[in-house]
Amino acid sequence: RELDLELSAALADAGAAEPAVRLLDERLKQDENDADALLARGALRLRQGAASDAATDLNAAIRVARPDWPRTQLAMARVLATESLLSAGRLAEARVGLEQLQRDFPGIPAAMLLDA
């Protein structure tokens, strides 16, 4: 399962975004609550300019994450979700996301940049 994430990242880095998304789609067909795959697909969609779809994936990753999901993953998901919402022009939702990010991860540099 970890290999799927690494392969999708390698594909995306090589400029093959569509195959990377398809690989993550297949993984999510097996488990729609796979926070790691949702995070990876959301990040990839943001890179592709599909901000609203990215926000959906990233917020889903946050929602379904297990309590033992690494805090670094949660922080990354919150940062990217907020960035996605800003990019999609969903400013009220982005403000809420930023407030959650600042509350849960005080002093995180990304939150300060998003708040600028």
C-alpha atoms as a PDB file:
ATOM      1  CA  ARG A   1       0.000   0.000   0.000  1.00  0.00           C
ATOM      2  CA  GLU A   2       2.837   2.396   0.770  1.00  0.00           C
ATOM      3  CA  LEU A   3       4.248   1.583  -2.653  1.00  0.00           C
ATOM      4  CA  ASP A   4       1.104   3.076  -4.278  1.00  0.00           C
ATOM      5  CA  LEU A   5       1.795   6.412  -2.599  1.00  0.00           C
ATOM      6  CA  GLU A   6       5.453   6.372  -3.583  1.00  0.00           C
ATOM      7  CA  LEU A   7       4.651   5.383  -7.169  1.00  0.00           C
ATOM      8  CA  SER A   8       1.982   8.067  -7.516  1.00  0.00           C
ATOM      9  CA  ALA A   9       4.420  10.674  -6.165  1.00  0.00           C
ATOM     10  CA  ALA A  10       7.108   9.528  -8.604  1.00  0.00           C
ATOM     11  CA  LEU A  11       4.652   9.661 -11.506  1.00  0.00           C
ATOM     12  CA  ALA A  12       3.538  13.157 -10.531  1.00  0.00           C
ATOM     13  CA  ASP A  13       7.136  14.339 -10.174  1.00  0.00           C
ATOM     14  CA  ALA A  14       7.860  12.956 -13.654  1.00  0.00           C
ATOM     15  CA  GLY A  15       4.976  14.985 -15.086  1.00  0.00           C
ATOM     16  CA  ALA A  16       2.564  12.068 -15.377  1.00  0.00           C
ATOM     17  CA  ALA A  17      -0.190  13.538 -13.220  1.00  0.00           C
ATOM     18  CA  GLU A  18      -3.107  11.666 -14.774  1.00  0.00           C
ATOM     19  CA  PRO A  19      -1.647   8.176 -14.184  1.00  0.00           C
ATOM     20  CA  ALA A  20      -0.783   9.265 -10.637  1.00  0.00           C
ATOM     21  CA  VAL A  21      -4.379  10.343 -10.004  1.00  0.00           C
ATOM     22  CA  ARG A  22      -5.701   7.083 -11.511  1.00  0.00           C
ATOM     23  CA  LEU A  23      -3.456   5.054  -9.212  1.00  0.00           C
ATOM     24  CA  LEU A  24      -4.788   6.943  -6.192  1.00  0.00           C
ATOM     25  CA  ASP A  25      -8.363   6.587  -7.479  1.00  0.00           C
ATOM     26  CA  GLU A  26      -7.879   2.811  -7.596  1.00  0.00           C
ATOM     27  CA  ARG A  27      -6.494   2.784  -4.079  1.00  0.00           C
ATOM     28  CA  LEU A  28      -9.475   4.820  -2.863  1.00  0.00           C
ATOM     29  CA  LYS A  29     -11.880   2.362  -4.518  1.00  0.00           C
ATOM     30  CA  GLN A  30     -10.487  -0.245  -2.131  1.00  0.00           C
ATOM     31  CA  ASP A  31     -10.796   2.058   0.892  1.00  0.00           C
ATOM     32  CA  GLU A  32     -12.552   5.395   0.481  1.00  0.00           C
ATOM     33  CA  ASN A  33     -11.440   6.367   3.997  1.00  0.00           C
ATOM     34  CA  ASP A  34      -7.721   6.093   3.259  1.00  0.00           C
ATOM     35  CA  ALA A  35      -6.486   9.411   4.653  1.00  0.00           C
ATOM     36  CA  ASP A  36      -3.023   9.014   3.136  1.00  0.00           C
ATOM     37  CA  ALA A  37      -4.405   8.471  -0.377  1.00  0.00           C
ATOM     38  CA  LEU A  38      -6.864  11.350   0.039  1.00  0.00           C
ATOM     39  CA  LEU A  39      -4.022  13.615   1.143  1.00  0.00           C
ATOM     40  CA  ALA A  40      -1.851  12.555  -1.794  1.00  0.00           C
ATOM     41  CA  ARG A  41      -4.658  12.977  -4.341  1.00  0.00           C
ATOM     42  CA  GLY A  42      -5.653  16.325  -2.850  1.00  0.00           C
ATOM     43  CA  ALA A  43      -2.090  17.610  -3.026  1.00  0.00           C
ATOM     44  CA  LEU A  44      -1.799  16.419  -6.608  1.00  0.00           C
ATOM     45  CA  ARG A  45      -5.103  18.011  -7.602  1.00  0.00           C
ATOM     46  CA  LEU A  46      -3.971  21.291  -6.067  1.00  0.00           C
ATOM     47  CA  ARG A  47      -0.791  21.128  -8.167  1.00  0.00           C
ATOM     48  CA  GLN A  48      -2.969  20.527 -11.229  1.00  0.00           C
ATOM     49  CA  GLY A  49      -5.040  23.624 -10.485  1.00  0.00           C
ATOM     50  CA  ALA A  50      -8.200  21.736  -9.472  1.00  0.00           C
ATOM     51  CA  ALA A  51      -8.481  23.647  -6.194  1.00  0.00           C
ATOM     52  CA  SER A  52     -12.086  22.785  -5.345  1.00  0.00           C
ATOM     53  CA  ASP A  53     -11.525  19.048  -5.916  1.00  0.00           C
ATOM     54  CA  ALA A  54      -8.317  19.297  -3.906  1.00  0.00           C
ATOM     55  CA  ALA A  55     -10.177  20.919  -1.006  1.00  0.00           C
ATOM     56  CA  THR A  56     -12.751  18.116  -1.062  1.00  0.00           C
ATOM     57  CA  ASP A  57     -10.052  15.435  -0.870  1.00  0.00           C
ATOM     58  CA  LEU A  58      -7.994  17.228   1.755  1.00  0.00           C
ATOM     59  CA  ASN A  59     -10.946  17.954   4.013  1.00  0.00           C
ATOM     60  CA  ALA A  60     -12.025  14.320   3.641  1.00  0.00           C
ATOM     61  CA  ALA A  61      -8.522  13.200   4.679  1.00  0.00           C
ATOM     62  CA  ILE A  62      -8.777  15.359   7.795  1.00  0.00           C
ATOM     63  CA  ARG A  63     -12.248  14.034   8.576  1.00  0.00           C
ATOM     64  CA  VAL A  64     -11.410  10.323   8.221  1.00  0.00           C
ATOM     65  CA  ALA A  65      -7.912  10.391   9.720  1.00  0.00           C
ATOM     66  CA  ARG A  66      -7.347   7.945  12.543  1.00  0.00           C
ATOM     67  CA  PRO A  67      -6.418   9.374  15.929  1.00  0.00           C
ATOM     68  CA  ASP A  68      -2.900   7.958  15.474  1.00  0.00           C
ATOM     69  CA  TRP A  69      -2.359   9.644  12.092  1.00  0.00           C
ATOM     70  CA  PRO A  70       0.949  11.518  12.327  1.00  0.00           C
ATOM     71  CA  ARG A  71       0.528  15.173  13.306  1.00  0.00           C
ATOM     72  CA  THR A  72       2.804  16.146  10.435  1.00  0.00           C
ATOM     73  CA  GLN A  73       0.314  14.579   8.007  1.00  0.00           C
ATOM     74  CA  LEU A  74      -2.583  16.360   9.698  1.00  0.00           C
ATOM     75  CA  ALA A  75      -0.728  19.684   9.585  1.00  0.00           C
ATOM     76  CA  MET A  76       0.070  19.197   5.909  1.00  0.00           C
ATOM     77  CA  ALA A  77      -3.543  18.313   5.132  1.00  0.00           C
ATOM     78  CA  ARG A  78      -4.797  21.410   6.968  1.00  0.00           C
ATOM     79  CA  VAL A  79      -2.303  23.711   5.233  1.00  0.00           C
ATOM     80  CA  LEU A  80      -3.103  22.338   1.785  1.00  0.00           C
ATOM     81  CA  ALA A  81      -6.862  22.337   2.439  1.00  0.00           C
ATOM     82  CA  THR A  82      -6.715  26.000   3.436  1.00  0.00           C
ATOM     83  CA  GLU A  83      -4.581  26.836   0.410  1.00  0.00           C
ATOM     84  CA  SER A  84      -7.034  24.958  -1.821  1.00  0.00           C
ATOM     85  CA  LEU A  85      -9.996  26.837  -0.417  1.00  0.00           C
ATOM     86  CA  LEU A  86      -8.208  30.151  -0.968  1.00  0.00           C
ATOM     87  CA  SER A  87      -7.351  29.171  -4.537  1.00  0.00           C
ATOM     88  CA  ALA A  88     -10.961  28.161  -5.171  1.00  0.00           C
ATOM     89  CA  GLY A  89     -12.168  31.539  -3.917  1.00  0.00           C
ATOM     90  CA  ARG A  90     -13.964  29.959  -0.968  1.00  0.00           C
ATOM     91  CA  LEU A  91     -12.768  32.637   1.419  1.00  0.00           C
ATOM     92  CA  ALA A  92     -15.145  32.065   4.356  1.00  0.00           C
ATOM     93  CA  GLU A  93     -14.234  28.367   4.460  1.00  0.00           C
ATOM     94  CA  ALA A  94     -10.548  29.231   4.085  1.00  0.00           C
ATOM     95  CA  ARG A  95     -10.782  31.592   7.074  1.00  0.00           C
ATOM     96  CA  VAL A  96     -12.274  28.771   9.200  1.00  0.00           C
ATOM     97  CA  GLY A  97      -9.531  26.415   8.001  1.00  0.00           C
ATOM     98  CA  LEU A  98      -6.855  28.952   8.837  1.00  0.00           C
ATOM     99  CA  GLU A  99      -8.292  29.477  12.318  1.00  0.00           C
ATOM    100  CA  GLN A 100      -8.281  25.694  12.912  1.00  0.00           C
ATOM    101  CA  LEU A 101      -4.719  25.484  11.637  1.00  0.00           C
ATOM    102  CA  GLN A 102      -3.556  28.286  13.928  1.00  0.00           C
ATOM    103  CA  ARG A 103      -5.370  26.765  16.902  1.00  0.00           C
ATOM    104  CA  ASP A 104      -4.128  23.194  16.345  1.00  0.00           C
ATOM    105  CA  PHE A 105      -0.602  24.115  15.211  1.00  0.00           C
ATOM    106  CA  PRO A 106       0.299  27.465  16.795  1.00  0.00           C
ATOM    107  CA  GLY A 107       3.270  29.171  15.232  1.00  0.00           C
ATOM    108  CA  ILE A 108       3.363  26.975  12.127  1.00  0.00           C
ATOM    109  CA  PRO A 109       5.031  29.086   9.418  1.00  0.00           C
ATOM    110  CA  ALA A 110       2.571  28.039   6.711  1.00  0.00           C
ATOM    111  CA  ALA A 111      -0.321  29.447   8.732  1.00  0.00           C
ATOM    112  CA  MET A 112       1.459  32.768   9.005  1.00  0.00           C
ATOM    113  CA  LEU A 113       1.987  32.841   5.230  1.00  0.00           C
ATOM    114  CA  LEU A 114      -1.635  31.948   4.502  1.00  0.00           C
ATOM    115  CA  ASP A 115      -2.773  34.666   6.877  1.00  0.00           C
ATOM    116  CA  ALA A 116      -0.728  37.333   5.087  1.00  0.00           C
END
